[in-house]
Amino acid sequence: MAYDPTIYDGAAAHYRHGRPPYSPQLESLLAEELHLDGGGRLLDVGCGPGVLTIRLAHLFQEAVGLDPDAAMLAEAHRAAAERRITNARWVQAVAEDLPHAASGPYRLVTFGQSFHWTDEPRVAEAVYDMLEPFGALA
C-alpha cells in the first residue's frame, strides 16, 4: 500500500490529544522485560505526533521517531520541547525506507499503532536486522 500524504492533513494537533492512551504500566513493563537502563536506542516507527516516542524517551540514550508526515513530526517536536525531552530526534520517512532512513542498532523498535500501514514482511525483516542483540520489537 502506497503512502497517501493527504491522509492526515490538518490532523496532527488533534491526533496528539485524541488517540486512546497507552497503558499506564507500559513503561514499567518494557523496562522490566527488556532490562532498560537508560542506554541504547529506541526507534518508534509511524510515531505520528510522538506520543509513544516521548513517553519512552527517558528509558533510552536516544529516541528516534520516524513518520512520513511533516506536520505530525512538527507536532512531535513541539511536544518534546514542552516536556523538555532532549534525547529525541525526528526523521521524515516511510517505514519501507528502513534501514537507510534511521540506521540501527536499536534496543527497542515500536510500532505503536502503525505496523498495519506498512509492507509488513519487508518492514519486519528490515527492523529485525536493525535490532541489537537481545533487542525487541513491540
C-alpha atoms as a PDB file:
ATOM      1  CA  MET A   1       0.000   0.000   0.000  1.00  0.00           C
ATOM      2  CA  ALA A   2       1.494   3.352  -1.021  1.00  0.00           C
ATOM      3  CA  TYR A   3       1.554   6.176   1.495  1.00  0.00           C
ATOM      4  CA  ASP A   4      -1.051   8.888   0.881  1.00  0.00           C
ATOM      5  CA  PRO A   5       0.443  12.187   2.119  1.00  0.00           C
ATOM      6  CA  THR A   6      -3.010  13.775   2.419  1.00  0.00           C
ATOM      7  CA  ILE A   7      -4.476  11.199   4.795  1.00  0.00           C
ATOM      8  CA  TYR A   8      -3.767  13.219   7.963  1.00  0.00           C
ATOM      9  CA  ASP A   9      -3.954  16.763   6.542  1.00  0.00           C
ATOM     10  CA  GLY A  10      -4.754  19.163   9.363  1.00  0.00           C
ATOM     11  CA  ALA A  11      -4.978  16.419  11.978  1.00  0.00           C
ATOM     12  CA  ALA A  12      -1.600  16.497  13.776  1.00  0.00           C
ATOM     13  CA  ALA A  13      -2.559  18.589  16.817  1.00  0.00           C
ATOM     14  CA  HIS A  14      -5.858  16.752  17.227  1.00  0.00           C
ATOM     15  CA  TYR A  15      -4.192  13.383  16.733  1.00  0.00           C
ATOM     16  CA  ARG A  16      -1.760  14.085  19.559  1.00  0.00           C
ATOM     17  CA  HIS A  17      -4.595  14.631  22.037  1.00  0.00           C
ATOM     18  CA  GLY A  18      -7.305  12.437  20.541  1.00  0.00           C
ATOM     19  CA  ARG A  19      -5.715   8.992  20.347  1.00  0.00           C
ATOM     20  CA  PRO A  20      -6.575   6.497  23.081  1.00  0.00           C
ATOM     21  CA  PRO A  21      -3.830   6.456  25.736  1.00  0.00           C
ATOM     22  CA  TYR A  22      -1.358   3.641  26.181  1.00  0.00           C
ATOM     23  CA  SER A  23      -1.494   1.516  29.332  1.00  0.00           C
ATOM     24  CA  PRO A  24      -0.176   3.208  32.490  1.00  0.00           C
ATOM     25  CA  GLN A  25       2.004   0.120  33.026  1.00  0.00           C
ATOM     26  CA  LEU A  26       3.676   0.351  29.614  1.00  0.00           C
ATOM     27  CA  GLU A  27       6.984   1.864  30.730  1.00  0.00           C
ATOM     28  CA  SER A  28       7.452  -0.340  33.777  1.00  0.00           C
ATOM     29  CA  LEU A  29       6.590  -3.476  31.815  1.00  0.00           C
ATOM     30  CA  LEU A  30       9.008  -2.672  28.986  1.00  0.00           C
ATOM     31  CA  ALA A  31      11.740  -1.584  31.406  1.00  0.00           C
ATOM     32  CA  GLU A  32      11.447  -4.798  33.394  1.00  0.00           C
ATOM     33  CA  GLU A  33      11.089  -7.228  30.496  1.00  0.00           C
ATOM     34  CA  LEU A  34      13.818  -5.637  28.361  1.00  0.00           C
ATOM     35  CA  HIS A  35      16.144  -4.564  31.200  1.00  0.00           C
ATOM     36  CA  LEU A  36      16.077  -0.954  30.042  1.00  0.00           C
ATOM     37  CA  ASP A  37      18.641   1.131  31.891  1.00  0.00           C
ATOM     38  CA  GLY A  38      18.721   4.494  30.127  1.00  0.00           C
ATOM     39  CA  GLY A  39      21.143   3.257  27.474  1.00  0.00           C
ATOM     40  CA  GLY A  40      20.576   2.033  23.961  1.00  0.00           C
ATOM     41  CA  ARG A  41      18.260   3.471  21.364  1.00  0.00           C
ATOM     42  CA  LEU A  42      14.532   3.442  20.647  1.00  0.00           C
ATOM     43  CA  LEU A  43      13.019   3.616  17.166  1.00  0.00           C
ATOM     44  CA  ASP A  44       9.307   4.425  17.066  1.00  0.00           C
ATOM     45  CA  VAL A  45       8.071   3.728  13.526  1.00  0.00           C
ATOM     46  CA  GLY A  46       4.985   5.654  12.476  1.00  0.00           C
ATOM     47  CA  CYS A  47       5.421   7.883  15.519  1.00  0.00           C
ATOM     48  CA  GLY A  48       2.840  10.436  14.424  1.00  0.00           C
ATOM     49  CA  PRO A  49       2.870  13.321  16.929  1.00  0.00           C
ATOM     50  CA  GLY A  50       5.393  11.487  19.107  1.00  0.00           C
ATOM     51  CA  VAL A  51       3.166  10.329  21.943  1.00  0.00           C
ATOM     52  CA  LEU A  52       4.891   6.961  22.400  1.00  0.00           C
ATOM     53  CA  THR A  53       8.384   8.216  21.493  1.00  0.00           C
ATOM     54  CA  ILE A  54       8.194  10.962  24.108  1.00  0.00           C
ATOM     55  CA  ARG A  55       6.714   8.692  26.746  1.00  0.00           C
ATOM     56  CA  LEU A  56       9.517   6.136  26.378  1.00  0.00           C
ATOM     57  CA  ALA A  57      12.422   8.527  25.706  1.00  0.00           C
ATOM     58  CA  HIS A  58      13.618   8.586  29.327  1.00  0.00           C
ATOM     59  CA  LEU A  59      14.332   4.845  29.132  1.00  0.00           C
ATOM     60  CA  PHE A  60      16.946   5.312  26.376  1.00  0.00           C
ATOM     61  CA  GLN A  61      20.048   7.261  25.468  1.00  0.00           C
ATOM     62  CA  GLU A  62      18.380   8.265  22.194  1.00  0.00           C
ATOM     63  CA  ALA A  63      14.789   8.048  20.976  1.00  0.00           C
ATOM     64  CA  VAL A  64      14.119   8.289  17.236  1.00  0.00           C
ATOM     65  CA  GLY A  65      10.616   8.941  15.932  1.00  0.00           C
ATOM     66  CA  LEU A  66      10.033   8.123  12.262  1.00  0.00           C
ATOM     67  CA  ASP A  67       6.958   9.235  10.341  1.00  0.00           C
ATOM     68  CA  PRO A  68       6.211  10.251   6.743  1.00  0.00           C
ATOM     69  CA  ASP A  69       4.074  13.255   7.732  1.00  0.00           C
ATOM     70  CA  ALA A  70       5.909  16.560   8.266  1.00  0.00           C
ATOM     71  CA  ALA A  71       3.053  18.087  10.285  1.00  0.00           C
ATOM     72  CA  MET A  72       2.998  15.091  12.644  1.00  0.00           C
ATOM     73  CA  LEU A  73       6.749  15.429  13.170  1.00  0.00           C
ATOM     74  CA  ALA A  74       6.419  19.170  13.816  1.00  0.00           C
ATOM     75  CA  GLU A  75       3.818  18.374  16.469  1.00  0.00           C
ATOM     76  CA  ALA A  76       6.142  15.723  17.942  1.00  0.00           C
ATOM     77  CA  HIS A  77       8.988  18.240  18.079  1.00  0.00           C
ATOM     78  CA  ARG A  78       6.702  20.755  19.855  1.00  0.00           C
ATOM     79  CA  ALA A  79       5.508  18.155  22.347  1.00  0.00           C
ATOM     80  CA  ALA A  80       9.071  17.041  23.120  1.00  0.00           C
ATOM     81  CA  ALA A  81      10.143  20.652  23.684  1.00  0.00           C
ATOM     82  CA  GLU A  82       7.169  21.239  26.016  1.00  0.00           C
ATOM     83  CA  ARG A  83       8.262  18.251  28.099  1.00  0.00           C
ATOM     84  CA  ARG A  84      11.957  19.183  27.911  1.00  0.00           C
ATOM     85  CA  ILE A  85      12.836  15.931  26.163  1.00  0.00           C
ATOM     86  CA  THR A  86      16.341  16.453  24.788  1.00  0.00           C
ATOM     87  CA  ASN A  87      17.262  12.969  23.583  1.00  0.00           C
ATOM     88  CA  ALA A  88      14.636  12.654  20.830  1.00  0.00           C
ATOM     89  CA  ARG A  89      15.108  13.266  17.135  1.00  0.00           C
ATOM     90  CA  TRP A  90      12.608  13.087  14.325  1.00  0.00           C
ATOM     91  CA  VAL A  91      13.032  11.525  10.877  1.00  0.00           C
ATOM     92  CA  GLN A  92      10.631  12.073   7.990  1.00  0.00           C
ATOM     93  CA  ALA A  93      10.404   8.800   6.060  1.00  0.00           C
ATOM     94  CA  VAL A  94       8.132   5.847   5.417  1.00  0.00           C
ATOM     95  CA  ALA A  95       8.821   2.557   7.178  1.00  0.00           C
ATOM     96  CA  GLU A  96       9.783   0.997   3.863  1.00  0.00           C
ATOM     97  CA  ASP A  97      12.810   3.352   3.793  1.00  0.00           C
ATOM     98  CA  LEU A  98      14.341   1.409   6.688  1.00  0.00           C
ATOM     99  CA  PRO A  99      17.120   0.721   7.441  1.00  0.00           C
ATOM    100  CA  HIS A 100      18.551   3.608   5.406  1.00  0.00           C
ATOM    101  CA  ALA A 101      16.273   6.270   6.914  1.00  0.00           C
ATOM    102  CA  ALA A 102      17.327   5.568  10.523  1.00  0.00           C
ATOM    103  CA  SER A 103      20.134   3.043  10.748  1.00  0.00           C
ATOM    104  CA  GLY A 104      20.444   0.913  13.862  1.00  0.00           C
ATOM    105  CA  PRO A 105      21.181  -0.734  16.108  1.00  0.00           C
ATOM    106  CA  TYR A 106      18.166  -0.285  18.362  1.00  0.00           C
ATOM    107  CA  ARG A 107      17.345  -1.904  21.681  1.00  0.00           C
ATOM    108  CA  LEU A 108      13.623  -1.480  21.007  1.00  0.00           C
ATOM    109  CA  VAL A 109      11.608  -0.782  17.876  1.00  0.00           C
ATOM    110  CA  THR A 110       7.966   0.138  18.400  1.00  0.00           C
ATOM    111  CA  PHE A 111       5.014   0.415  16.049  1.00  0.00           C
ATOM    112  CA  GLY A 112       2.500   1.989  18.440  1.00  0.00           C
ATOM    113  CA  GLN A 113      -0.417   1.786  16.046  1.00  0.00           C
ATOM    114  CA  SER A 114       1.270   1.787  12.661  1.00  0.00           C
ATOM    115  CA  PHE A 115       2.524  -1.650  11.605  1.00  0.00           C
ATOM    116  CA  HIS A 116      -0.639  -2.417   9.636  1.00  0.00           C
ATOM    117  CA  TRP A 117       0.064   0.624   7.407  1.00  0.00           C
ATOM    118  CA  THR A 118       3.366  -0.878   6.207  1.00  0.00           C
ATOM    119  CA  ASP A 119       4.553  -3.524   3.783  1.00  0.00           C
ATOM    120  CA  GLU A 120       4.661  -5.846   6.783  1.00  0.00           C
ATOM    121  CA  PRO A 121       7.051  -8.609   5.577  1.00  0.00           C
ATOM    122  CA  ARG A 122       9.539  -6.119   4.142  1.00  0.00           C
ATOM    123  CA  VAL A 123       9.478  -3.818   7.157  1.00  0.00           C
ATOM    124  CA  ALA A 124       9.621  -6.669   9.691  1.00  0.00           C
ATOM    125  CA  GLU A 125      12.723  -8.064   8.001  1.00  0.00           C
ATOM    126  CA  ALA A 126      14.402  -4.647   7.908  1.00  0.00           C
ATOM    127  CA  VAL A 127      13.602  -3.986  11.562  1.00  0.00           C
ATOM    128  CA  TYR A 128      14.809  -7.420  12.670  1.00  0.00           C
ATOM    129  CA  ASP A 129      18.186  -6.667  11.110  1.00  0.00           C
ATOM    130  CA  MET A 130      18.307  -3.307  12.929  1.00  0.00           C
ATOM    131  CA  LEU A 131      17.891  -4.721  16.437  1.00  0.00           C
ATOM    132  CA  GLU A 132      20.862  -5.019  18.754  1.00  0.00           C
ATOM    133  CA  PRO A 133      21.439  -8.484  20.278  1.00  0.00           C
ATOM    134  CA  PHE A 134      18.504  -9.246  22.586  1.00  0.00           C
ATOM    135  CA  GLY A 135      16.649  -6.226  21.201  1.00  0.00           C
ATOM    136  CA  ALA A 136      12.881  -6.336  20.824  1.00  0.00           C
ATOM    137  CA  LEU A 137      10.034  -5.323  18.563  1.00  0.00           C
ATOM    138  CA  ALA A 138       6.866  -4.101  20.266  1.00  0.00           C
END
